[in-house]
Each structure stands twice: as C-alpha cells, then as structure tokens.
C-alpha cells in the first residue's frame, strides 16, 4: 500500500520526498518505509537529534 505522499508525488511527477523528524518521534518508522537519512543535527541543549530524511520516487 502506497502512502498518500508517495501517491501524490507520483501523480504530480515529483521524484523526491524529504522530511525531518526528531529521535523521539518516527525515525525508525520512516527508515522502515525506505527513507534514507542524509543529515543529523545534534540539537543541544535539548539533548535530542534531528534527522533529515529523503526518499526517491520512481515513476
């Protein structure tokens, strides 16, 4: 089952989805569905990391 963002991207002929999430949110979820981490920021003093992720969409 394709996610809404993948369906929308395919319909609009986009070839890339990107997003950001924190380590306490959904990092593992996005990795499971094919997103790749391309940047990690250490967000001190919050003591969390912010992950920037992308997924290539092939039409």
Protein backbone atom coordinates (compact mmCIF):
# COMPACT_ATOMS: atom_id res chain seq x y z
CA UNK A 1 0.00 0.00 0.00
CA UNK A 2 1.45 3.34 -1.02
CA UNK A 3 1.32 6.25 1.38
CA UNK A 4 -0.56 9.42 0.50
CA UNK A 5 2.69 11.35 -0.04
CA UNK A 6 4.04 8.72 -2.44
CA UNK A 7 0.75 8.63 -4.39
CA UNK A 8 0.63 12.43 -4.57
CA UNK A 9 4.29 12.64 -5.63
CA UNK A 10 3.78 10.08 -8.38
CA UNK A 11 0.64 11.84 -9.64
CA UNK A 12 2.41 15.22 -9.75
CA UNK A 13 5.53 13.61 -11.31
CA UNK A 14 7.83 14.54 -8.44
CA UNK A 15 10.83 12.30 -7.86
CA UNK A 16 11.82 13.10 -4.26
CA UNK A 17 10.16 13.38 -0.86
CA UNK A 18 12.05 14.90 2.05
CA UNK A 19 11.15 15.39 5.70
CA UNK A 20 12.61 15.92 9.13
CA UNK A 21 11.89 14.25 12.45
CA UNK A 22 13.43 14.05 15.92
CA UNK A 23 14.94 10.94 17.50
CA UNK A 24 11.97 10.64 19.88
CA UNK A 25 9.46 10.70 17.03
CA UNK A 26 9.25 8.42 13.98
CA UNK A 27 12.81 7.90 12.74
CA UNK A 28 12.58 4.08 12.69
CA UNK A 29 9.15 4.21 11.02
CA UNK A 30 10.46 6.25 8.08
CA UNK A 31 13.57 4.09 7.69
CA UNK A 32 11.31 1.02 7.59
CA UNK A 33 9.43 2.57 4.65
CA UNK A 34 12.51 3.35 2.59
CA UNK A 35 13.55 6.83 3.68
CA UNK A 36 17.30 7.49 3.94
CA UNK A 37 18.97 9.79 6.47
CA UNK A 38 21.04 12.49 4.76
CA UNK A 39 21.72 14.82 7.72
CA UNK A 40 21.65 14.55 11.51
CA UNK A 41 21.82 17.62 13.75
CA UNK A 42 22.66 17.46 17.44
CA UNK A 43 20.09 19.80 18.99
CA UNK A 44 21.82 20.57 22.29
CA UNK A 45 20.74 21.75 24.86
CA UNK A 46 17.57 19.76 24.08
CA UNK A 47 19.70 16.58 24.06
CA UNK A 48 17.91 15.22 21.00
CA UNK A 49 18.90 14.69 17.40
CA UNK A 50 17.03 15.98 14.38
CA UNK A 51 17.06 13.68 11.35
CA UNK A 52 16.61 14.92 7.80
CA UNK A 53 15.43 12.16 5.50
CA UNK A 54 14.63 11.64 1.83
CA UNK A 55 13.04 9.05 -0.40
CA UNK A 56 13.43 8.83 -4.17
CA UNK A 57 10.20 8.15 -6.03
CA UNK A 58 10.50 6.35 -9.34
CA UNK A 59 7.67 6.89 -11.80
